[in-house]
Amino acid sequence: MDNNFLYSKNNANLGDKIEFKRKKHIVNGVVTSLRENTVIVSVENDDAKKLDLPDHQTVVSHKNYVIVERAGAETQPVFVYDGWNSALKA
């Protein structure tokens, strides 16, 4: 299995602000972790309550969001390897 994650011009990267729709709500959040097919996003507590999330993070597929604002170039990825759960984390 190839565990190389690269910054992408098409997908969101660490620290990018994205917007997605969930349960008829438009939600904004910041990407905190990258996966092969998804990103993990930190959302505001108010949005988490609207979506009935147990905490302020949720998973969003690459095909279900738009990038609102790119993070600065100084953001560097950190690869965390722990078997099947490997990912880039902010």
PDB file of N, CA and C in Angstrom:
ATOM      1  N   MET A   1       0.838  -1.172   0.000  1.00  0.00           N
ATOM      2  CA  MET A   1       0.000   0.000   0.000  1.00  0.00           C
ATOM      3  C   MET A   1       0.885   1.238   0.000  1.00  0.00           C
ATOM      4  N   ASP A   2       0.582   2.196  -0.853  1.00  0.00           N
ATOM      5  CA  ASP A   2       1.355   3.422  -0.980  1.00  0.00           C
ATOM      6  C   ASP A   2       0.802   4.474  -0.024  1.00  0.00           C
ATOM      7  N   ASN A   3       1.613   4.932   0.914  1.00  0.00           N
ATOM      8  CA  ASN A   3       1.171   5.912   1.901  1.00  0.00           C
ATOM      9  C   ASN A   3       1.721   7.298   1.623  1.00  0.00           C
ATOM     10  N   ASN A   4       1.947   7.640   0.358  1.00  0.00           N
ATOM     11  CA  ASN A   4       2.456   8.963   0.025  1.00  0.00           C
ATOM     12  C   ASN A   4       1.300   9.902  -0.262  1.00  0.00           C
ATOM     13  N   PHE A   5       1.159  10.928   0.564  1.00  0.00           N
ATOM     14  CA  PHE A   5       0.146  11.950   0.368  1.00  0.00           C
ATOM     15  C   PHE A   5       0.847  13.194  -0.142  1.00  0.00           C
ATOM     16  N   LEU A   6       0.326  13.795  -1.176  1.00  0.00           N
ATOM     17  CA  LEU A   6       0.935  14.987  -1.760  1.00  0.00           C
ATOM     18  C   LEU A   6      -0.052  16.129  -1.722  1.00  0.00           C
ATOM     19  N   TYR A   7       0.484  17.326  -1.595  1.00  0.00           N
ATOM     20  CA  TYR A   7      -0.383  18.487  -1.747  1.00  0.00           C
ATOM     21  C   TYR A   7      -0.987  18.457  -3.131  1.00  0.00           C
ATOM     22  N   SER A   8      -2.213  18.864  -3.242  1.00  0.00           N
ATOM     23  CA  SER A   8      -2.946  18.789  -4.496  1.00  0.00           C
ATOM     24  C   SER A   8      -3.409  20.168  -4.922  1.00  0.00           C
ATOM     25  N   LYS A   9      -3.394  20.412  -6.225  1.00  0.00           N
ATOM     26  CA  LYS A   9      -3.929  21.663  -6.755  1.00  0.00           C
ATOM     27  C   LYS A   9      -5.445  21.595  -6.863  1.00  0.00           C
ATOM     28  N   ASN A  10      -6.003  20.394  -6.948  1.00  0.00           N
ATOM     29  CA  ASN A  10      -7.441  20.218  -7.121  1.00  0.00           C
ATOM     30  C   ASN A  10      -8.179  19.998  -5.803  1.00  0.00           C
ATOM     31  N   ASN A  11      -7.559  19.301  -4.857  1.00  0.00           N
ATOM     32  CA  ASN A  11      -8.194  19.006  -3.577  1.00  0.00           C
ATOM     33  C   ASN A  11      -7.704  19.975  -2.508  1.00  0.00           C
ATOM     34  N   ALA A  12      -8.432  20.036  -1.415  1.00  0.00           N
ATOM     35  CA  ALA A  12      -8.037  20.883  -0.292  1.00  0.00           C
ATOM     36  C   ALA A  12      -6.785  20.324   0.362  1.00  0.00           C
ATOM     37  N   ASN A  13      -6.016  21.217   0.956  1.00  0.00           N
ATOM     38  CA  ASN A  13      -4.807  20.857   1.678  1.00  0.00           C
ATOM     39  C   ASN A  13      -4.931  21.322   3.119  1.00  0.00           C
ATOM     40  N   LEU A  14      -3.953  20.989   3.942  1.00  0.00           N
ATOM     41  CA  LEU A  14      -3.984  21.360   5.352  1.00  0.00           C
ATOM     42  C   LEU A  14      -4.147  22.856   5.527  1.00  0.00           C
ATOM     43  N   GLY A  15      -5.063  23.246   6.378  1.00  0.00           N
ATOM     44  CA  GLY A  15      -5.284  24.647   6.684  1.00  0.00           C
ATOM     45  C   GLY A  15      -6.210  25.381   5.739  1.00  0.00           C
ATOM     46  N   ASP A  16      -6.591  24.758   4.622  1.00  0.00           N
ATOM     47  CA  ASP A  16      -7.506  25.404   3.674  1.00  0.00           C
ATOM     48  C   ASP A  16      -8.894  25.534   4.291  1.00  0.00           C
ATOM     49  N   LYS A  17      -9.575  26.630   3.967  1.00  0.00           N
ATOM     50  CA  LYS A  17     -10.964  26.810   4.386  1.00  0.00           C
ATOM     51  C   LYS A  17     -11.855  26.277   3.278  1.00  0.00           C
ATOM     52  N   ILE A  18     -12.802  25.416   3.657  1.00  0.00           N
ATOM     53  CA  ILE A  18     -13.698  24.820   2.672  1.00  0.00           C
ATOM     54  C   ILE A  18     -15.147  25.069   3.069  1.00  0.00           C
ATOM     55  N   GLU A  19     -16.029  24.823   2.106  1.00  0.00           N
ATOM     56  CA  GLU A  19     -17.463  24.958   2.335  1.00  0.00           C
ATOM     57  C   GLU A  19     -18.133  23.699   1.795  1.00  0.00           C
ATOM     58  N   PHE A  20     -19.073  23.168   2.558  1.00  0.00           N
ATOM     59  CA  PHE A  20     -19.792  21.968   2.134  1.00  0.00           C
ATOM     60  C   PHE A  20     -21.224  22.034   2.629  1.00  0.00           C
ATOM     61  N   LYS A  21     -22.073  21.219   2.059  1.00  0.00           N
ATOM     62  CA  LYS A  21     -23.485  21.175   2.438  1.00  0.00           C
ATOM     63  C   LYS A  21     -23.752  19.869   3.175  1.00  0.00           C
ATOM     64  N   ARG A  22     -24.435  19.997   4.323  1.00  0.00           N
ATOM     65  CA  ARG A  22     -24.797  18.816   5.096  1.00  0.00           C
ATOM     66  C   ARG A  22     -26.108  19.105   5.805  1.00  0.00           C
ATOM     67  N   LYS A  23     -27.070  18.201   5.690  1.00  0.00           N
ATOM     68  CA  LYS A  23     -28.388  18.342   6.325  1.00  0.00           C
ATOM     69  C   LYS A  23     -29.015  19.706   6.011  1.00  0.00           C
ATOM     70  N   LYS A  24     -28.967  20.094   4.764  1.00  0.00           N
ATOM     71  CA  LYS A  24     -29.551  21.350   4.266  1.00  0.00           C
ATOM     72  C   LYS A  24     -28.894  22.602   4.836  1.00  0.00           C
ATOM     73  N   HIS A  25     -27.716  22.465   5.443  1.00  0.00           N
ATOM     74  CA  HIS A  25     -26.970  23.603   5.964  1.00  0.00           C
ATOM     75  C   HIS A  25     -25.685  23.773   5.147  1.00  0.00           C
ATOM     76  N   ILE A  26     -25.316  25.014   4.893  1.00  0.00           N
ATOM     77  CA  ILE A  26     -24.023  25.308   4.290  1.00  0.00           C
ATOM     78  C   ILE A  26     -23.051  25.533   5.439  1.00  0.00           C
ATOM     79  N   VAL A  27     -21.963  24.755   5.466  1.00  0.00           N
ATOM     80  CA  VAL A  27     -21.034  24.772   6.594  1.00  0.00           C
ATOM     81  C   VAL A  27     -19.642  25.140   6.093  1.00  0.00           C
ATOM     82  N   ASN A  28     -18.956  25.985   6.858  1.00  0.00           N
ATOM     83  CA  ASN A  28     -17.564  26.325   6.581  1.00  0.00           C
ATOM     84  C   ASN A  28     -16.680  25.672   7.623  1.00  0.00           C
ATOM     85  N   GLY A  29     -15.486  25.267   7.218  1.00  0.00           N
ATOM     86  CA  GLY A  29     -14.550  24.665   8.159  1.00  0.00           C
ATOM     87  C   GLY A  29     -13.129  24.737   7.644  1.00  0.00           C
ATOM     88  N   VAL A  30     -12.193  24.300   8.492  1.00  0.00           N
ATOM     89  CA  VAL A  30     -10.772  24.307   8.169  1.00  0.00           C
ATOM     90  C   VAL A  30     -10.283  22.866   8.131  1.00  0.00           C
ATOM     91  N   VAL A  31      -9.538  22.513   7.085  1.00  0.00           N
ATOM     92  CA  VAL A  31      -9.009  21.156   6.925  1.00  0.00           C
ATOM     93  C   VAL A  31      -7.900  20.920   7.948  1.00  0.00           C
ATOM     94  N   THR A  32      -8.051  19.857   8.751  1.00  0.00           N
ATOM     95  CA  THR A  32      -7.052  19.530   9.767  1.00  0.00           C
ATOM     96  C   THR A  32      -6.309  18.237   9.471  1.00  0.00           C
ATOM     97  N   SER A  33      -6.843  17.420   8.563  1.00  0.00           N
ATOM     98  CA  SER A  33      -6.193  16.155   8.232  1.00  0.00           C
ATOM     99  C   SER A  33      -6.584  15.741   6.821  1.00  0.00           C
ATOM    100  N   LEU A  34      -5.638  15.152   6.102  1.00  0.00           N
ATOM    101  CA  LEU A  34      -5.879  14.684   4.735  1.00  0.00           C
ATOM    102  C   LEU A  34      -5.919  13.172   4.696  1.00  0.00           C
ATOM    103  N   ARG A  35      -6.832  12.661   3.937  1.00  0.00           N
ATOM    104  CA  ARG A  35      -6.932  11.226   3.647  1.00  0.00           C
ATOM    105  C   ARG A  35      -6.937  11.064   2.140  1.00  0.00           C
ATOM    106  N   GLU A  36      -6.891   9.844   1.681  1.00  0.00           N
ATOM    107  CA  GLU A  36      -6.842   9.592   0.246  1.00  0.00           C
ATOM    108  C   GLU A  36      -8.103  10.086  -0.455  1.00  0.00           C
ATOM    109  N   ASN A  37      -9.274   9.817   0.118  1.00  0.00           N
ATOM    110  CA  ASN A  37     -10.545  10.173  -0.509  1.00  0.00           C
ATOM    111  C   ASN A  37     -11.340  11.230   0.249  1.00  0.00           C
ATOM    112  N   THR A  38     -10.844  11.654   1.411  1.00  0.00           N
ATOM    113  CA  THR A  38     -11.592  12.585   2.261  1.00  0.00           C
ATOM    114  C   THR A  38     -10.644  13.565   2.950  1.00  0.00           C
ATOM    115  N   VAL A  39     -11.256  14.546   3.602  1.00  0.00           N
ATOM    116  CA  VAL A  39     -10.533  15.435   4.506  1.00  0.00           C
ATOM    117  C   VAL A  39     -11.281  15.454   5.831  1.00  0.00           C
ATOM    118  N   ILE A  40     -10.558  15.692   6.910  1.00  0.00           N
ATOM    119  CA  ILE A  40     -11.184  15.892   8.208  1.00  0.00           C
ATOM    120  C   ILE A  40     -11.195  17.386   8.447  1.00  0.00           C
ATOM    121  N   VAL A  41     -12.372  17.910   8.810  1.00  0.00           N
ATOM    122  CA  VAL A  41     -12.600  19.342   8.879  1.00  0.00           C
ATOM    123  C   VAL A  41     -13.025  19.733  10.289  1.00  0.00           C
ATOM    124  N   SER A  42     -12.447  20.813  10.783  1.00  0.00           N
ATOM    125  CA  SER A  42     -12.859  21.400  12.043  1.00  0.00           C
ATOM    126  C   SER A  42     -13.897  22.475  11.744  1.00  0.00           C
ATOM    127  N   VAL A  43     -15.056  22.390  12.396  1.00  0.00           N
ATOM    128  CA  VAL A  43     -16.140  23.349  12.176  1.00  0.00           C
ATOM    129  C   VAL A  43     -16.418  24.086  13.485  1.00  0.00           C
ATOM    130  N   GLU A  44     -17.115  25.205  13.391  1.00  0.00           N
ATOM    131  CA  GLU A  44     -17.503  25.972  14.576  1.00  0.00           C
ATOM    132  C   GLU A  44     -18.460  25.142  15.430  1.00  0.00           C
ATOM    133  N   ASN A  45     -18.460  25.392  16.738  1.00  0.00           N
ATOM    134  CA  ASN A  45     -19.328  24.648  17.648  1.00  0.00           C
ATOM    135  C   ASN A  45     -20.808  24.820  17.307  1.00  0.00           C
ATOM    136  N   ASP A  46     -21.208  26.010  16.853  1.00  0.00           N
ATOM    137  CA  ASP A  46     -22.605  26.226  16.464  1.00  0.00           C
ATOM    138  C   ASP A  46     -23.004  25.328  15.302  1.00  0.00           C
ATOM    139  N   ASP A  47     -22.093  25.204  14.315  1.00  0.00           N
ATOM    140  CA  ASP A  47     -22.364  24.332  13.172  1.00  0.00           C
ATOM    141  C   ASP A  47     -22.401  22.869  13.602  1.00  0.00           C
ATOM    142  N   ALA A  48     -21.528  22.496  14.527  1.00  0.00           N
ATOM    143  CA  ALA A  48     -21.515  21.116  15.026  1.00  0.00           C
ATOM    144  C   ALA A  48     -22.841  20.772  15.695  1.00  0.00           C
ATOM    145  N   LYS A  49     -23.398  21.715  16.424  1.00  0.00           N
ATOM    146  CA  LYS A  49     -24.695  21.476  17.079  1.00  0.00           C
ATOM    147  C   LYS A  49     -25.808  21.337  16.053  1.00  0.00           C
ATOM    148  N   LYS A  50     -25.795  22.186  15.008  1.00  0.00           N
ATOM    149  CA  LYS A  50     -26.803  22.100  13.951  1.00  0.00           C
ATOM    150  C   LYS A  50     -26.778  20.746  13.261  1.00  0.00           C
ATOM    151  N   LEU A  51     -25.563  20.185  13.114  1.00  0.00           N
ATOM    152  CA  LEU A  51     -25.394  18.913  12.413  1.00  0.00           C
ATOM    153  C   LEU A  51     -25.459  17.715  13.353  1.00  0.00           C
ATOM    154  N   ASP A  52     -25.685  17.937  14.630  1.00  0.00           N
ATOM    155  CA  ASP A  52     -25.729  16.867  15.642  1.00  0.00           C
ATOM    156  C   ASP A  52     -24.430  16.065  15.692  1.00  0.00           C
ATOM    157  N   LEU A  53     -23.300  16.764  15.611  1.00  0.00           N
ATOM    158  CA  LEU A  53     -22.002  16.106  15.695  1.00  0.00           C
ATOM    159  C   LEU A  53     -21.588  15.957  17.152  1.00  0.00           C
ATOM    160  N   PRO A  54     -20.900  14.878  17.507  1.00  0.00           N
ATOM    161  CA  PRO A  54     -20.469  14.701  18.897  1.00  0.00           C
ATOM    162  C   PRO A  54     -19.352  15.665  19.296  1.00  0.00           C
ATOM    163  N   ASP A  55     -18.582  16.163  18.330  1.00  0.00           N
ATOM    164  CA  ASP A  55     -17.555  17.166  18.589  1.00  0.00           C
ATOM    165  C   ASP A  55     -17.485  18.112  17.398  1.00  0.00           C
ATOM    166  N   HIS A  56     -16.420  18.890  17.288  1.00  0.00           N
ATOM    167  CA  HIS A  56     -16.340  19.921  16.250  1.00  0.00           C
ATOM    168  C   HIS A  56     -15.635  19.468  14.973  1.00  0.00           C
ATOM    169  N   GLN A  57     -15.461  18.157  14.777  1.00  0.00           N
ATOM    170  CA  GLN A  57     -14.817  17.668  13.563  1.00  0.00           C
ATOM    171  C   GLN A  57     -15.737  16.727  12.810  1.00  0.00           C
ATOM    172  N   THR A  58     -15.568  16.737  11.475  1.00  0.00           N
ATOM    173  CA  THR A  58     -16.350  15.840  10.628  1.00  0.00           C
ATOM    174  C   THR A  58     -15.518  15.459   9.411  1.00  0.00           C
ATOM    175  N   VAL A  59     -15.928  14.420   8.725  1.00  0.00           N
ATOM    176  CA  VAL A  59     -15.252  13.929   7.526  1.00  0.00           C
ATOM    177  C   VAL A  59     -16.048  14.354   6.302  1.00  0.00           C
ATOM    178  N   VAL A  60     -15.332  14.861   5.273  1.00  0.00           N
ATOM    179  CA  VAL A  60     -15.983  15.302   4.049  1.00  0.00           C
ATOM    180  C   VAL A  60     -15.234  14.705   2.859  1.00  0.00           C
ATOM    181  N   SER A  61     -15.963  14.119   1.933  1.00  0.00           N
ATOM    182  CA  SER A  61     -15.375  13.552   0.722  1.00  0.00           C
ATOM    183  C   SER A  61     -14.814  14.672  -0.158  1.00  0.00           C
ATOM    184  N   HIS A  62     -13.743  14.364  -0.891  1.00  0.00           N
ATOM    185  CA  HIS A  62     -13.149  15.357  -1.797  1.00  0.00           C
ATOM    186  C   HIS A  62     -14.162  15.873  -2.819  1.00  0.00           C
ATOM    187  N   LYS A  63     -15.151  15.065  -3.174  1.00  0.00           N
ATOM    188  CA  LYS A  63     -16.099  15.488  -4.197  1.00  0.00           C
ATOM    189  C   LYS A  63     -17.261  16.305  -3.637  1.00  0.00           C
ATOM    190  N   ASN A  64     -17.295  16.522  -2.286  1.00  0.00           N
ATOM    191  CA  ASN A  64     -18.440  17.190  -1.668  1.00  0.00           C
ATOM    192  C   ASN A  64     -18.130  18.546  -1.044  1.00  0.00           C
ATOM    193  N   TYR A  65     -17.049  19.186  -1.452  1.00  0.00           N
ATOM    194  CA  TYR A  65     -16.750  20.507  -0.905  1.00  0.00           C
ATOM    195  C   TYR A  65     -16.174  21.411  -1.985  1.00  0.00           C
ATOM    196  N   VAL A  66     -16.155  22.708  -1.676  1.00  0.00           N
ATOM    197  CA  VAL A  66     -15.462  23.686  -2.517  1.00  0.00           C
ATOM    198  C   VAL A  66     -14.459  24.406  -1.623  1.00  0.00           C
ATOM    199  N   ILE A  67     -13.336  24.785  -2.198  1.00  0.00           N
ATOM    200  CA  ILE A  67     -12.303  25.497  -1.458  1.00  0.00           C
ATOM    201  C   ILE A  67     -12.650  26.977  -1.460  1.00  0.00           C
ATOM    202  N   VAL A  68     -12.755  27.558  -0.282  1.00  0.00           N
ATOM    203  CA  VAL A  68     -13.086  28.969  -0.133  1.00  0.00           C
ATOM    204  C   VAL A  68     -11.815  29.810  -0.093  1.00  0.00           C
ATOM    205  N   GLU A  69     -10.807  29.323   0.644  1.00  0.00           N
ATOM    206  CA  GLU A  69      -9.559  30.072   0.790  1.00  0.00           C
ATOM    207  C   GLU A  69      -8.413  29.095   1.022  1.00  0.00           C
ATOM    208  N   ARG A  70      -7.338  29.285   0.252  1.00  0.00           N
ATOM    209  CA  ARG A  70      -6.152  28.447   0.418  1.00  0.00           C
ATOM    210  C   ARG A  70      -5.329  28.936   1.605  1.00  0.00           C
ATOM    211  N   ALA A  71      -4.703  28.003   2.310  1.00  0.00           N
ATOM    212  CA  ALA A  71      -3.814  28.344   3.421  1.00  0.00           C
ATOM    213  C   ALA A  71      -2.508  28.886   2.850  1.00  0.00           C
ATOM    214  N   GLY A  72      -1.767  29.570   3.675  1.00  0.00           N
ATOM    215  CA  GLY A  72      -0.482  30.103   3.252  1.00  0.00           C
ATOM    216  C   GLY A  72       0.505  28.994   2.921  1.00  0.00           C
ATOM    217  N   ALA A  73       1.503  29.333   2.151  1.00  0.00           N
ATOM    218  CA  ALA A  73       2.504  28.355   1.710  1.00  0.00           C
ATOM    219  C   ALA A  73       3.376  27.861   2.859  1.00  0.00           C
ATOM    220  N   GLU A  74       3.370  28.565   4.009  1.00  0.00           N
ATOM    221  CA  GLU A  74       4.220  28.156   5.126  1.00  0.00           C
ATOM    222  C   GLU A  74       3.709  26.923   5.848  1.00  0.00           C
ATOM    223  N   THR A  75       2.473  26.502   5.576  1.00  0.00           N
ATOM    224  CA  THR A  75       1.920  25.305   6.209  1.00  0.00           C
ATOM    225  C   THR A  75       2.621  24.067   5.651  1.00  0.00           C
ATOM    226  N   GLN A  76       3.263  23.318   6.527  1.00  0.00           N
ATOM    227  CA  GLN A  76       3.990  22.121   6.118  1.00  0.00           C
ATOM    228  C   GLN A  76       3.277  20.882   6.630  1.00  0.00           C
ATOM    229  N   PRO A  77       3.152  19.853   5.801  1.00  0.00           N
ATOM    230  CA  PRO A  77       2.476  18.634   6.242  1.00  0.00           C
ATOM    231  C   PRO A  77       3.341  17.818   7.188  1.00  0.00           C
ATOM    232  N   VAL A  78       2.696  17.087   8.075  1.00  0.00           N
ATOM    233  CA  VAL A  78       3.372  16.141   8.943  1.00  0.00           C
ATOM    234  C   VAL A  78       2.722  14.798   8.703  1.00  0.00           C
ATOM    235  N   PHE A  79       3.516  13.811   8.276  1.00  0.00           N
ATOM    236  CA  PHE A  79       2.953  12.498   7.999  1.00  0.00           C
ATOM    237  C   PHE A  79       2.971  11.678   9.279  1.00  0.00           C
ATOM    238  N   VAL A  80       1.810  11.175   9.655  1.00  0.00           N
ATOM    239  CA  VAL A  80       1.684  10.364  10.851  1.00  0.00           C
ATOM    240  C   VAL A  80       1.342   8.946  10.413  1.00  0.00           C
ATOM    241  N   TYR A  81       2.235   7.989  10.704  1.00  0.00           N
ATOM    242  CA  TYR A  81       1.989   6.611  10.286  1.00  0.00           C
ATOM    243  C   TYR A  81       1.550   5.788  11.487  1.00  0.00           C
ATOM    244  N   ASP A  82       0.365   5.227  11.388  1.00  0.00           N
ATOM    245  CA  ASP A  82      -0.087   4.262  12.388  1.00  0.00           C
ATOM    246  C   ASP A  82      -0.929   3.187  11.697  1.00  0.00           C
ATOM    247  N   GLY A  83      -0.340   2.578  10.688  1.00  0.00           N
ATOM    248  CA  GLY A  83      -0.999   1.502   9.969  1.00  0.00           C
ATOM    249  C   GLY A  83      -2.077   2.024   9.045  1.00  0.00           C
ATOM    250  N   TRP A  84      -3.260   1.437   9.084  1.00  0.00           N
ATOM    251  CA  TRP A  84      -4.344   1.785   8.160  1.00  0.00           C
ATOM    252  C   TRP A  84      -4.871   3.193   8.404  1.00  0.00           C
ATOM    253  N   ASN A  85      -4.571   3.795   9.557  1.00  0.00           N
ATOM    254  CA  ASN A  85      -5.108   5.092   9.923  1.00  0.00           C
ATOM    255  C   ASN A  85      -4.130   6.232   9.598  1.00  0.00           C
ATOM    256  N   SER A  86      -3.183   6.009   8.715  1.00  0.00           N
ATOM    257  CA  SER A  86      -2.170   7.002   8.402  1.00  0.00           C
ATOM    258  C   SER A  86      -2.774   8.210   7.699  1.00  0.00           C
ATOM    259  N   ALA A  87      -2.205   9.366   7.979  1.00  0.00           N
ATOM    260  CA  ALA A  87      -2.716  10.586   7.358  1.00  0.00           C
ATOM    261  C   ALA A  87      -1.745  11.730   7.579  1.00  0.00           C
ATOM    262  N   LEU A  88      -1.950  12.780   6.811  1.00  0.00           N
ATOM    263  CA  LEU A  88      -1.252  14.029   7.049  1.00  0.00           C
ATOM    264  C   LEU A  88      -2.074  14.812   8.061  1.00  0.00           C
ATOM    265  N   LYS A  89      -1.418  15.378   9.051  1.00  0.00           N
ATOM    266  CA  LYS A  89      -2.140  16.115  10.085  1.00  0.00           C
ATOM    267  C   LYS A  89      -1.528  17.496  10.253  1.00  0.00           C
ATOM    268  N   ALA A  90      -2.402  18.449  10.580  1.00  0.00           N
ATOM    269  CA  ALA A  90      -1.944  19.824  10.805  1.00  0.00           C
ATOM    270  C   ALA A  90      -1.275  19.938  12.148  1.00  0.00           C
TER     271      ALA A  90
END
